[in-house]
Amino acid sequence: MAVRDTASLLAGLLVLLHTWGAWATVEVGMEDRVEVFRGDTAQIACMFTSSEGIGALTIEWFYLTPTGQRQKIYKQDSTMKSVERGTQFTGRISVNGTGSTGELVLTITDVLLEDEVEFICQINSLTEGDGEGHTQLRVFETPELPSIERVHTGISVSNDNPSKIGSCEVKNGYPKPNITWYRDNTPLYNVPDEVSVLHLVTMESSGLYSVRSDLNLKVMKSDKDASFYCEVSYFVPGGTRMTETNRINITVHYTSTVVSMWVESPKGEIKEGDMVELQCQGDGNPKPVFTFRHNDIELDPDTTTLVLENVTRSDSGLYECVTMNFDTYEEITGNTSLFVNYLDDAVVIPEGTAVLSEGEEMTATCNALSSLTTQTTWFKVFKPVSQKTTEDGVHSVVSVKVTSDINAFCNASNDYGTDAVAFSIKAITHTTTSTTTTTTTTTSTSTTTTTVKTATAPAIPPKKIKKEGSGVIVAVIIICILLLAILGSVLYFLYKKGKICGRSGKQDLTKEKSNKDNIVVEMKSDNTEEAVLLGVNGDKKPSNDQGDEYLDVQK
């Protein structure tokens, strides 16, 4: 019975111990990974829970070798703490914290690239069993700034396979940086027969990575204006960063499909003697080589500019510039028409000096061969005779000094015919007279002088001029002379009778009398330049105070 009880007690104790072990275990918690830059200090925490005190626990740190084996680097129990010798971490690690807090920290100084391994924190308990946690240490190195280099030769759009565009390179990064190509803002990826991106990764002796990427592209004409660049992305603790290269352009070669030609200078109409510059331009790249033709005659080749100096009318015509499409071996042509305006010297018919008799007619023509409509101006004595053009036609006015009867003709002509009109111009002289009388009296001789002047009347329109004959003028002059003679005789008679000058009828003359009394009449005309001199003479009788009177009129 006692044996049976003892056996039952031992069995129950074993069950109790087994159940206690199942309920009480060591729990360990660690971060999945710890990230740090190369050369910095890494701290890896190990947190655990256990019902036993620190004295009953054994703490060990391991790392996994590239072959997957555990390599111990640290051990701690109730009696000692030790760092394993001969490992890559010897001399660079330490463990801080106590078991009473349930947290231990493994510190690694001056982290190396090869320190990027998996670390294990293992907690051993006599009654609670074993527990462990794992942390991956990640090491980073920022790469140098990337560089880009383009292909300096031109790339033809006619190439059958993708052509190399350029290269990008980034050096000394960890882990391996990534390179992405962009055309403008669009990323480029491998496309068969169109885009090919090749990456070359190099591990330097330091363990860092350098990456070179080449872009091959089947270029199109639109790529001449595109910009290409590389984007480099790399990892850092806690995330990724990105940097870009400079942008590059490539030289795309393609043949011309359109050629244009124009007159660069002068602007506007071209006349003989001008210097003319003709320009050609094609839409190909590089600039095509041109050959110039004028009316199918080849001119200076291998230029884009044709200069014509001192052009003449013979330079007018069709000009062409021709280039070759080397893909199809066809000629691409542009053209423009050039017209050189000209004006020959004026020709007057009749030439030289024309001698005409009064009343004759003469027609003179002035003409000059010209490419444009001309305007003709006639000059008389170096003064222009006025061409006035109106909305209804051409109005021409000619001023001529009339000295005799003339006939004038106006001739008009254009492309539709000719017409003429004649003018008959009569020369008319119109005059008026004004009279001035002067009387002089002396004791011995009485002389009366009368001057008659004829002045030209102001010019009046021809229709208001009354035509007078020369006989009428002479009759008027004779009447005036007779009236003046009668007036002189009356004055003399009154003088003798004493009716004038305070003398009685029988008073004698006390002053010397002249043998003759003269009356002179003079007529001058500014227009006709004629002069008439009239003399009136009288003699007295000596027998008495009143003498007889004699009147002589001379023309």
Protein backbone atom coordinates (compact mmCIF):
# COMPACT_ATOMS: atom_id res chain seq x y z
CA MET A 1 0.00 0.00 0.00
CA ALA A 2 2.81 2.40 0.91
CA VAL A 3 4.71 1.50 -2.22
CA ARG A 4 1.57 2.04 -4.21
CA ASP A 5 1.12 5.51 -2.65
CA THR A 6 4.71 6.44 -3.20
CA ALA A 7 4.45 5.44 -6.86
CA SER A 8 1.29 7.44 -7.25
CA LEU A 9 2.99 10.48 -5.69
CA LEU A 10 5.96 10.28 -8.02
CA ALA A 11 3.64 9.93 -11.02
CA GLY A 12 1.64 12.98 -10.01
CA LEU A 13 4.86 15.01 -9.47
CA LEU A 14 6.07 14.10 -12.92
CA VAL A 15 2.75 15.15 -14.44
CA LEU A 16 2.89 18.42 -12.50
CA LEU A 17 6.40 19.16 -13.65
CA HIS A 18 5.48 18.39 -17.21
CA THR A 19 2.43 20.63 -17.06
CA TRP A 20 4.41 23.48 -15.48
CA GLY A 21 6.96 23.31 -18.28
CA ALA A 22 4.22 23.55 -20.82
CA TRP A 23 2.70 26.59 -19.22
CA ALA A 24 5.96 28.53 -18.39
CA THR A 25 8.17 29.34 -21.52
CA VAL A 26 10.78 32.02 -22.42
CA GLU A 27 9.49 34.55 -24.99
CA VAL A 28 12.02 36.63 -27.09
CA GLY A 29 11.18 39.61 -29.29
CA MET A 30 13.46 41.39 -31.89
CA GLU A 31 13.06 43.78 -34.87
CA ASP A 32 12.97 42.21 -38.31
CA ARG A 33 15.87 44.39 -39.48
CA VAL A 34 18.14 47.18 -38.44
CA GLU A 35 19.46 49.59 -41.12
CA VAL A 36 22.61 51.69 -40.84
CA PHE A 37 25.10 53.52 -43.08
CA ARG A 38 28.51 51.99 -43.50
CA GLY A 39 30.87 53.28 -40.82
CA ASP A 40 28.10 54.15 -38.37
CA THR A 41 27.15 52.29 -35.14
CA ALA A 42 24.42 49.65 -35.17
CA GLN A 43 22.30 48.71 -32.14
CA ILE A 44 20.29 45.47 -32.12
CA ALA A 45 17.80 45.04 -29.27
CA CYS A 46 16.71 41.72 -27.75
CA MET A 47 13.64 41.74 -25.47
CA PHE A 48 12.54 38.65 -23.51
CA THR A 49 10.20 37.53 -20.72
CA SER A 50 10.89 34.75 -18.16
CA SER A 51 9.65 33.83 -14.70
CA GLU A 52 13.12 32.85 -13.64
CA GLY A 53 15.64 35.40 -12.47
CA ILE A 54 18.68 36.44 -14.32
CA GLY A 55 20.82 34.04 -12.42
CA ALA A 56 18.96 31.09 -13.93
CA LEU A 57 19.28 32.29 -17.52
CA THR A 58 21.98 31.93 -20.16
CA ILE A 59 22.14 34.57 -22.91
CA GLU A 60 23.95 33.97 -26.22
CA TRP A 61 24.38 36.04 -29.45
CA PHE A 62 25.00 34.39 -32.81
CA TYR A 63 25.19 35.40 -36.50
CA LEU A 64 24.64 33.27 -39.56
CA THR A 65 27.58 32.72 -41.85
CA PRO A 66 27.14 32.72 -45.67
CA THR A 67 26.89 28.91 -45.43
CA GLY A 68 24.02 29.15 -42.93
CA GLN A 69 25.94 28.03 -39.84
CA ARG A 70 25.60 29.72 -36.48
CA GLN A 71 28.65 31.57 -35.25
CA LYS A 72 28.64 32.55 -31.53
CA ILE A 73 29.95 36.04 -30.81
CA TYR A 74 28.78 36.61 -27.21
CA LYS A 75 27.77 34.61 -24.05
CA GLN A 76 26.42 35.69 -20.66
CA ASP A 77 25.30 33.68 -17.60
CA SER A 78 25.09 34.19 -13.86
CA THR A 79 28.83 33.96 -13.44
CA MET A 80 30.46 35.60 -16.51
CA LYS A 81 30.20 37.70 -19.74
CA SER A 82 32.44 36.94 -22.68
CA VAL A 83 33.00 37.91 -26.33
CA GLU A 84 34.10 35.19 -28.65
CA ARG A 85 37.53 35.63 -30.12
CA GLY A 86 38.50 35.29 -33.76
CA THR A 87 35.26 36.52 -35.34
CA GLN A 88 34.74 39.50 -37.64
CA PHE A 89 33.02 41.29 -34.75
CA THR A 90 35.74 40.76 -32.17
CA GLY A 91 36.70 44.09 -30.68
CA ARG A 92 33.70 45.95 -32.13
CA ILE A 93 30.75 44.61 -30.14
CA SER A 94 29.33 45.01 -26.66
CA VAL A 95 26.07 44.00 -24.87
CA ASN A 96 24.29 46.39 -22.57
CA GLY A 97 21.34 45.87 -20.20
CA THR A 98 20.44 43.30 -17.58
CA GLY A 99 18.18 40.40 -17.48
CA SER A 100 16.10 42.00 -14.78
CA THR A 101 14.73 44.52 -17.27
CA GLY A 102 14.13 41.93 -19.93
CA GLU A 103 16.03 43.92 -22.58
CA LEU A 104 19.53 43.50 -23.99
CA VAL A 105 21.19 45.62 -26.71
CA LEU A 106 24.00 44.40 -28.97
CA THR A 107 26.11 47.37 -30.13
CA ILE A 108 28.36 47.11 -33.21
CA THR A 109 30.73 50.01 -33.94
CA ASP A 110 32.25 51.02 -37.28
CA VAL A 111 29.88 48.88 -39.28
CA LEU A 112 31.35 47.22 -42.37
CA LEU A 113 29.66 45.98 -45.51
CA GLU A 114 30.32 42.38 -44.46
CA ASP A 115 28.47 43.05 -41.22
CA GLU A 116 25.25 42.75 -43.22
CA VAL A 117 24.25 39.39 -41.70
CA GLU A 118 21.41 37.90 -39.64
CA PHE A 119 21.86 38.12 -35.84
CA ILE A 120 20.28 35.71 -33.30
CA CYS A 121 19.57 36.41 -29.61
CA GLN A 122 19.04 33.09 -27.70
CA ILE A 123 17.74 32.85 -24.07
CA ASN A 124 18.23 29.51 -22.25
CA SER A 125 16.27 28.59 -19.05
CA LEU A 126 16.64 25.47 -16.89
CA THR A 127 12.92 25.17 -16.27
CA GLU A 128 11.34 27.21 -19.08
CA GLY A 129 13.32 25.95 -21.98
CA ASP A 130 14.94 28.01 -24.77
CA GLY A 131 13.73 31.10 -26.70
CA GLU A 132 15.35 33.09 -29.57
CA GLY A 133 14.81 36.05 -31.87
CA HIS A 134 16.29 37.09 -35.28
CA THR A 135 17.28 40.50 -36.74
CA GLN A 136 18.74 41.24 -40.20
CA LEU A 137 21.38 43.98 -40.21
CA ARG A 138 21.27 46.10 -43.43
CA VAL A 139 24.25 48.29 -44.41
CA PHE A 140 23.99 51.21 -46.92
CA GLU A 141 26.42 53.43 -48.83
CA THR A 142 25.29 56.51 -50.79
CA PRO A 143 26.68 56.38 -54.36
CA GLU A 144 28.49 59.17 -56.12
CA LEU A 145 26.57 61.56 -58.40
CA PRO A 146 25.72 59.89 -61.72
CA SER A 147 27.12 61.00 -65.07
CA ILE A 148 25.75 60.84 -68.61
CA GLU A 149 27.48 60.91 -71.97
CA ARG A 150 25.85 61.15 -75.36
CA VAL A 151 26.98 59.77 -78.68
CA HIS A 152 28.59 62.63 -80.59
CA THR A 153 28.06 61.25 -84.06
CA GLY A 154 24.80 61.71 -85.88
CA ILE A 155 22.24 58.92 -85.86
CA SER A 156 20.29 58.17 -89.00
CA VAL A 157 16.60 57.41 -88.92
CA SER A 158 17.18 54.95 -91.73
CA ASN A 159 19.21 52.55 -89.54
CA ASP A 160 17.51 49.18 -89.37
CA ASN A 161 18.52 48.34 -85.78
CA PRO A 162 18.47 50.43 -82.60
CA SER A 163 21.48 52.74 -82.39
CA LYS A 164 23.39 53.69 -79.27
CA ILE A 165 22.17 56.99 -77.84
CA GLY A 166 24.33 57.40 -74.76
CA SER A 167 25.59 55.95 -71.48
CA CYS A 168 24.83 56.59 -67.81
CA GLU A 169 27.08 55.57 -64.93
CA VAL A 170 26.84 55.67 -61.14
CA LYS A 171 29.71 54.54 -58.90
CA ASN A 172 30.34 53.21 -55.38
CA GLY A 173 26.90 52.59 -53.98
CA TYR A 174 25.54 49.91 -51.70
CA PRO A 175 23.35 48.11 -52.28
CA LYS A 176 23.34 48.19 -56.09
CA PRO A 177 21.80 51.43 -57.45
CA ASN A 178 19.16 51.32 -60.18
CA ILE A 179 19.24 53.34 -63.44
CA THR A 180 16.16 54.30 -65.47
CA TRP A 181 16.33 56.09 -68.86
CA TYR A 182 13.87 58.85 -69.82
CA ARG A 183 12.99 60.45 -73.15
CA ASP A 184 11.56 63.82 -72.18
CA ASN A 185 9.45 62.74 -69.18
CA THR A 186 8.67 59.21 -70.37
CA PRO A 187 10.62 56.24 -68.98
CA LEU A 188 12.15 53.88 -71.53
CA TYR A 189 12.03 50.12 -71.16
CA ASN A 190 13.12 47.29 -73.39
CA VAL A 191 10.99 46.95 -76.51
CA PRO A 192 12.13 44.51 -79.20
CA ASP A 193 13.57 46.25 -82.30
CA GLU A 194 12.86 49.67 -80.80
CA VAL A 195 14.41 50.17 -77.35
CA SER A 196 17.28 48.28 -75.76
CA VAL A 197 18.64 49.11 -72.29
CA LEU A 198 21.76 47.25 -71.19
CA HIS A 199 23.04 47.36 -67.56
CA LEU A 200 26.54 46.42 -66.49
CA VAL A 201 27.07 45.96 -62.72
CA THR A 202 30.59 45.97 -61.27
CA MET A 203 31.58 45.17 -57.66
CA GLU A 204 34.54 47.23 -56.69
CA SER A 205 37.33 45.93 -54.46
CA SER A 206 35.73 47.87 -51.62
CA GLY A 207 32.58 45.80 -51.98
CA LEU A 208 30.61 48.76 -53.36
CA TYR A 209 28.71 48.56 -56.62
CA SER A 210 29.12 50.61 -59.81
CA VAL A 211 26.45 50.45 -62.51
CA ARG A 212 26.72 51.45 -66.17
CA SER A 213 23.68 51.60 -68.47
CA ASP A 214 23.64 51.97 -72.27
CA LEU A 215 20.56 53.12 -74.19
CA ASN A 216 20.02 51.89 -77.74
CA LEU A 217 17.14 53.39 -79.68
CA LYS A 218 15.67 53.29 -83.15
CA VAL A 219 15.47 57.03 -83.60
CA MET A 220 12.73 58.94 -85.32
CA LYS A 221 12.73 62.41 -86.85
CA SER A 222 10.95 63.78 -83.77
CA ASP A 223 13.89 62.70 -81.60
CA LYS A 224 15.88 65.68 -82.90
CA ASP A 225 13.99 67.84 -80.39
CA ALA A 226 13.84 65.28 -77.56
CA SER A 227 15.93 65.38 -74.39
CA PHE A 228 17.31 62.24 -72.73
CA TYR A 229 18.44 61.74 -69.14
CA CYS A 230 18.94 59.07 -66.47
CA GLU A 231 17.32 58.70 -63.07
CA VAL A 232 19.37 56.89 -60.39
CA SER A 233 17.56 55.47 -57.36
CA TYR A 234 19.38 54.01 -54.34
CA PHE A 235 18.48 52.72 -50.87
CA VAL A 236 19.16 54.48 -47.58
CA PRO A 237 18.16 53.61 -44.04
CA GLY A 238 14.43 53.95 -43.83
CA GLY A 239 13.71 54.38 -47.58
CA THR A 240 15.06 55.26 -51.05
CA ARG A 241 16.45 58.38 -52.66
CA MET A 242 16.67 59.52 -56.27
CA THR A 243 18.93 61.78 -58.33
CA GLU A 244 18.97 62.75 -62.03
CA THR A 245 21.66 63.41 -64.60
CA ASN A 246 21.88 66.36 -66.93
CA ARG A 247 19.75 66.27 -70.07
CA ILE A 248 21.31 65.54 -73.43
CA ASN A 249 20.21 65.94 -77.03
CA ILE A 250 21.18 63.77 -79.91
CA THR A 251 21.90 64.57 -83.54
CA VAL A 252 19.40 62.90 -85.82
CA HIS A 253 20.17 62.58 -89.50
CA TYR A 254 17.36 62.47 -92.01
CA THR A 255 17.03 63.47 -95.63
CA SER A 256 14.96 66.38 -96.87
CA THR A 257 11.46 65.86 -98.13
CA VAL A 258 10.65 69.53 -98.83
CA VAL A 259 12.91 72.29 -100.19
CA SER A 260 11.92 75.96 -100.19
CA MET A 261 13.54 78.87 -102.03
CA TRP A 262 12.98 82.61 -101.68
CA VAL A 263 14.47 86.05 -102.37
CA GLU A 264 16.16 87.13 -99.16
CA SER A 265 17.01 90.65 -100.36
CA PRO A 266 16.12 93.18 -101.53
CA LYS A 267 12.59 93.22 -100.21
CA GLY A 268 9.95 94.35 -102.70
CA GLU A 269 10.51 95.19 -106.37
CA ILE A 270 13.90 94.43 -107.95
CA LYS A 271 15.44 96.77 -110.49
CA GLU A 272 18.46 96.62 -112.73
CA GLY A 273 21.69 97.24 -110.83
CA ASP A 274 20.49 95.69 -107.56
CA MET A 275 22.34 92.95 -105.71
CA VAL A 276 19.97 90.00 -105.18
CA GLU A 277 20.40 87.27 -102.57
CA LEU A 278 18.51 83.98 -103.03
CA GLN A 279 18.18 81.52 -100.14
CA CYS A 280 17.43 77.79 -100.10
CA GLN A 281 16.36 75.63 -97.17
CA GLY A 282 15.47 71.98 -96.80
CA ASP A 283 13.84 70.13 -93.90
CA GLY A 284 16.66 67.57 -93.72
CA ASN A 285 19.48 67.27 -91.18
CA PRO A 286 22.31 67.95 -91.60
CA LYS A 287 21.69 70.85 -93.96
CA PRO A 288 21.49 69.46 -97.45
CA VAL A 289 23.87 70.35 -100.24
CA PHE A 290 22.15 72.37 -102.98
CA THR A 291 22.74 72.92 -106.65
CA PHE A 292 21.33 76.12 -108.20
CA ARG A 293 19.78 76.36 -111.64
CA HIS A 294 18.60 79.32 -113.68
CA ASN A 295 16.40 78.49 -116.61
CA ASP A 296 17.82 74.93 -116.52
CA ILE A 297 21.41 76.22 -116.47
CA GLU A 298 23.45 75.03 -113.47
CA LEU A 299 25.01 77.74 -111.29
CA ASP A 300 27.28 77.70 -108.22
CA PRO A 301 26.90 74.36 -106.38
CA ASP A 302 27.33 73.33 -102.74
CA THR A 303 25.92 76.47 -101.14
CA THR A 304 22.68 77.53 -99.50
CA THR A 305 22.91 81.14 -100.74
CA LEU A 306 23.11 82.48 -104.28
CA VAL A 307 24.21 86.11 -104.72
CA LEU A 308 23.58 87.94 -107.99
CA GLU A 309 25.39 91.27 -108.32
CA ASN A 310 24.36 94.12 -110.59
CA VAL A 311 21.39 92.23 -112.02
CA THR A 312 19.93 92.99 -115.43
CA ARG A 313 16.68 92.07 -117.09
CA SER A 314 18.35 88.98 -118.49
CA ASP A 315 18.63 87.63 -114.91
CA SER A 316 14.85 87.35 -114.76
CA GLY A 317 13.37 83.88 -114.86
CA LEU A 318 12.93 80.69 -112.84
CA TYR A 319 15.53 79.77 -110.22
CA GLU A 320 15.75 76.29 -108.70
CA CYS A 321 17.72 74.71 -105.87
CA VAL A 322 18.10 70.94 -105.99
CA THR A 323 19.23 68.39 -103.41
CA MET A 324 19.35 64.59 -103.33
CA ASN A 325 17.32 62.26 -101.12
CA PHE A 326 19.93 59.60 -100.37
CA ASP A 327 17.31 57.13 -99.16
CA THR A 328 15.38 57.11 -102.42
CA TYR A 329 18.00 58.78 -104.67
CA GLU A 330 15.40 61.22 -105.89
CA GLU A 331 15.89 64.93 -106.51
CA ILE A 332 14.08 67.31 -104.18
CA THR A 333 13.56 70.73 -105.78
CA GLY A 334 12.47 74.18 -104.62
CA ASN A 335 12.04 77.17 -106.93
CA THR A 336 11.15 80.84 -107.12
CA SER A 337 10.64 83.33 -109.94
CA LEU A 338 12.76 86.45 -110.22
CA PHE A 339 11.72 89.50 -112.22
CA VAL A 340 14.10 92.40 -112.72
CA ASN A 341 12.37 95.67 -113.52
CA TYR A 342 13.97 98.08 -115.98
CA LEU A 343 13.56 101.60 -117.38
CA ASP A 344 15.41 102.61 -120.53
CA ASP A 345 16.48 106.15 -121.36
CA ALA A 346 13.71 108.41 -122.60
CA VAL A 347 13.50 108.93 -126.36
CA VAL A 348 12.05 112.23 -127.68
CA ILE A 349 10.86 112.44 -131.27
CA PRO A 350 11.78 114.61 -133.09
CA GLU A 351 15.32 114.72 -131.81
CA GLY A 352 17.46 117.81 -131.52
CA THR A 353 16.09 121.27 -132.41
CA ALA A 354 12.90 121.73 -134.43
CA VAL A 355 12.50 124.96 -136.47
CA LEU A 356 8.93 125.89 -137.40
CA SER A 357 7.30 128.79 -139.18
CA GLU A 358 4.54 130.72 -137.44
CA GLY A 359 1.31 128.85 -137.71
CA GLU A 360 2.91 125.45 -138.28
CA GLU A 361 2.14 122.46 -136.09
CA MET A 362 4.57 120.11 -134.36
CA THR A 363 3.90 116.93 -132.43
CA ALA A 364 6.58 115.70 -130.02
CA THR A 365 6.51 112.31 -128.31
CA CYS A 366 8.44 111.15 -125.26
CA ASN A 367 8.69 107.42 -124.61
CA ALA A 368 10.87 105.03 -122.57
CA LEU A 369 10.82 101.23 -122.60
CA SER A 370 9.91 100.03 -119.10
CA SER A 371 8.68 96.94 -117.29
CA LEU A 372 6.18 98.95 -115.27
CA THR A 373 3.78 101.79 -115.99
CA THR A 374 5.73 105.04 -116.32
CA GLN A 375 4.92 108.66 -115.64
CA THR A 376 6.23 111.29 -118.05
CA THR A 377 6.95 114.90 -117.12
CA TRP A 378 7.69 117.56 -119.73
CA PHE A 379 10.04 120.44 -118.91
CA LYS A 380 10.15 123.90 -120.45
CA VAL A 381 13.21 125.99 -119.66
CA PHE A 382 14.14 123.51 -116.87
CA LYS A 383 10.73 123.91 -115.21
CA PRO A 384 8.31 120.98 -115.11
CA VAL A 385 5.00 121.30 -116.94
CA SER A 386 2.32 119.88 -114.59
CA GLN A 387 0.71 115.32 -115.00
CA LYS A 388 -2.20 115.29 -112.73
CA THR A 389 -4.05 112.03 -112.42
CA THR A 390 -7.60 112.03 -111.06
CA GLU A 391 -10.20 109.35 -110.45
CA ASP A 392 -11.76 110.11 -113.83
CA GLY A 393 -8.59 110.35 -115.89
CA VAL A 394 -5.51 112.49 -116.44
CA HIS A 395 -5.66 116.30 -116.25
CA SER A 396 -2.79 118.16 -117.92
CA VAL A 397 -2.22 121.93 -117.83
CA VAL A 398 0.41 123.68 -119.97
CA SER A 399 1.32 127.38 -119.56
CA VAL A 400 2.59 129.09 -122.70
CA LYS A 401 3.56 132.75 -123.26
CA VAL A 402 1.58 133.90 -126.31
CA THR A 403 3.36 136.39 -128.60
CA SER A 404 1.49 135.49 -131.74
CA ASP A 405 -1.39 133.39 -132.97
CA ILE A 406 -0.68 129.69 -132.33
CA ASN A 407 -2.38 126.31 -132.55
CA ALA A 408 -1.91 123.85 -129.62
CA PHE A 409 -2.64 120.15 -129.68
CA CYS A 410 -3.17 117.68 -126.80
CA ASN A 411 -2.57 114.04 -127.69
CA ALA A 412 -3.59 111.14 -125.40
CA SER A 413 -2.99 107.45 -125.88
CA ASN A 414 -3.18 104.16 -123.96
CA ASP A 415 -3.38 100.47 -124.74
CA TYR A 416 -6.85 100.89 -126.24
CA GLY A 417 -6.12 103.66 -128.75
CA THR A 418 -5.29 107.35 -129.22
CA ASP A 419 -7.20 110.64 -129.25
CA ALA A 420 -6.34 114.32 -129.82
CA VAL A 421 -7.87 117.78 -129.42
CA ALA A 422 -6.74 121.08 -131.01
CA PHE A 423 -6.79 124.60 -129.53
CA SER A 424 -6.60 127.79 -131.65
CA ILE A 425 -5.07 130.68 -129.65
CA LYS A 426 -5.26 134.29 -130.96
CA ALA A 427 -2.84 136.98 -129.78
CA ILE A 428 -4.85 140.12 -128.74
CA THR A 429 -3.47 143.47 -127.47
CA HIS A 430 -5.78 145.51 -125.26
CA THR A 431 -4.72 149.10 -124.19
CA THR A 432 -6.13 152.10 -122.26
CA THR A 433 -4.79 155.72 -122.06
CA SER A 434 -4.26 158.20 -119.30
CA THR A 435 -3.43 161.92 -119.86
CA THR A 436 -1.21 164.25 -117.93
CA THR A 437 -1.15 168.04 -118.86
CA THR A 438 1.52 170.53 -117.79
CA THR A 439 1.21 174.35 -118.49
CA THR A 440 4.06 176.87 -118.14
CA THR A 441 3.60 180.72 -118.57
CA THR A 442 6.33 183.42 -118.85
CA THR A 443 6.31 187.22 -119.68
CA SER A 444 8.20 186.88 -122.88
CA THR A 445 7.24 183.41 -124.01
CA SER A 446 4.30 181.24 -123.08
CA THR A 447 4.95 177.54 -123.50
CA THR A 448 2.43 174.82 -122.73
CA THR A 449 3.57 171.20 -122.77
CA THR A 450 1.07 168.38 -122.56
CA THR A 451 2.14 164.73 -122.20
CA VAL A 452 -0.25 161.91 -122.99
CA LYS A 453 0.77 158.39 -121.89
CA THR A 454 -0.88 155.17 -122.83
CA ALA A 455 -0.79 152.37 -120.24
CA THR A 456 -1.60 148.71 -120.76
CA ALA A 457 -4.81 147.65 -119.10
CA PRO A 458 -4.73 144.76 -116.63
CA ALA A 459 -5.08 141.36 -118.20
CA ILE A 460 -8.65 140.14 -118.38
CA PRO A 461 -10.10 136.89 -119.64
CA PRO A 462 -9.97 136.66 -123.44
CA LYS A 463 -13.74 136.54 -123.78
CA LYS A 464 -13.99 140.04 -122.22
CA ILE A 465 -11.35 141.70 -124.46
CA LYS A 466 -12.89 143.86 -127.22
CA LYS A 467 -10.87 143.83 -130.41
CA GLU A 468 -10.05 147.40 -131.66
CA GLY A 469 -8.41 148.41 -134.93
CA SER A 470 -5.35 150.71 -135.15
CA GLY A 471 -7.42 153.36 -137.12
CA VAL A 472 -9.73 153.94 -134.16
CA ILE A 473 -6.74 154.56 -131.91
CA VAL A 474 -5.28 157.14 -134.34
CA ALA A 475 -8.66 158.96 -134.60
CA VAL A 476 -8.89 159.21 -130.82
CA ILE A 477 -5.37 160.65 -130.67
CA ILE A 478 -6.16 163.33 -133.35
CA ILE A 479 -9.35 164.41 -131.57
CA CYS A 480 -7.42 164.81 -128.32
CA ILE A 481 -4.79 166.93 -130.09
CA LEU A 482 -7.42 169.22 -131.67
CA LEU A 483 -9.13 169.74 -128.32
CA LEU A 484 -5.84 170.64 -126.75
CA ALA A 485 -5.08 173.15 -129.58
CA ILE A 486 -8.46 174.83 -129.15
CA LEU A 487 -7.93 175.04 -125.41
CA GLY A 488 -4.55 176.68 -125.96
CA SER A 489 -6.00 179.28 -128.37
CA VAL A 490 -8.79 180.21 -125.95
CA LEU A 491 -6.31 180.64 -123.15
CA TYR A 492 -4.14 182.86 -125.34
CA PHE A 493 -7.12 184.98 -126.44
CA LEU A 494 -8.23 185.52 -122.87
CA TYR A 495 -4.72 186.47 -121.94
CA LYS A 496 -4.62 189.15 -124.62
CA LYS A 497 -7.94 190.60 -123.51
CA GLY A 498 -6.74 190.81 -119.96
CA LYS A 499 -9.29 188.39 -118.64
CA ILE A 500 -6.70 186.36 -116.91
CA CYS A 501 -3.56 187.14 -114.89
CA GLY A 502 -5.09 190.58 -113.67
CA ARG A 503 -4.73 192.43 -116.99
CA SER A 504 -7.25 194.71 -118.78
CA GLY A 505 -8.14 194.40 -122.43
CA LYS A 506 -5.80 197.21 -123.59
CA GLN A 507 -2.80 196.37 -121.32
CA ASP A 508 0.50 195.82 -123.19
CA LEU A 509 2.81 193.07 -122.52
CA THR A 510 5.62 194.25 -120.23
CA LYS A 511 7.66 191.15 -120.62
CA GLU A 512 9.45 189.94 -123.56
CA LYS A 513 7.31 187.95 -125.84
CA SER A 514 8.56 185.00 -127.68
CA ASN A 515 8.26 184.74 -131.35
CA LYS A 516 6.50 181.46 -131.08
CA ASP A 517 4.27 179.77 -128.55
CA ASN A 518 4.83 176.00 -128.64
CA ILE A 519 2.44 173.30 -127.52
CA VAL A 520 4.02 169.86 -127.49
CA VAL A 521 1.92 166.74 -127.17
CA GLU A 522 3.68 163.33 -126.57
CA MET A 523 1.95 159.93 -126.45
CA LYS A 524 3.70 156.83 -125.27
CA SER A 525 2.38 153.29 -125.20
CA ASP A 526 3.96 150.66 -123.00
CA ASN A 527 2.69 147.84 -125.20
CA THR A 528 3.08 149.23 -128.76
CA GLU A 529 6.19 151.29 -128.00
CA GLU A 530 4.90 154.08 -130.33
CA ALA A 531 5.47 157.90 -129.78
CA VAL A 532 3.67 160.85 -131.38
CA LEU A 533 5.09 164.39 -131.15
CA LEU A 534 2.69 167.31 -131.93
CA GLY A 535 3.72 170.94 -132.24
CA VAL A 536 1.34 174.07 -132.09
CA ASN A 537 2.93 177.40 -133.16
CA GLY A 538 1.40 181.00 -133.29
CA ASP A 539 2.85 184.39 -134.23
CA LYS A 540 1.58 187.85 -132.99
CA LYS A 541 1.31 191.11 -134.93
CA PRO A 542 3.40 194.01 -133.65
CA SER A 543 0.83 196.77 -134.62
CA ASN A 544 -1.31 196.52 -131.41
CA ASP A 545 -1.54 194.77 -128.02
CA GLN A 546 -3.82 192.14 -129.36
CA GLY A 547 -2.11 190.21 -132.03
CA ASP A 548 -3.51 187.71 -134.45
CA GLU A 549 -3.22 184.10 -133.49
CA TYR A 550 -1.85 181.35 -135.67
CA LEU A 551 -2.12 177.65 -134.96
CA ASP A 552 0.02 175.04 -136.67
CA VAL A 553 -0.61 171.42 -135.99
CA GLN A 554 2.11 168.99 -136.99
CA LYS A 555 2.06 165.25 -136.74
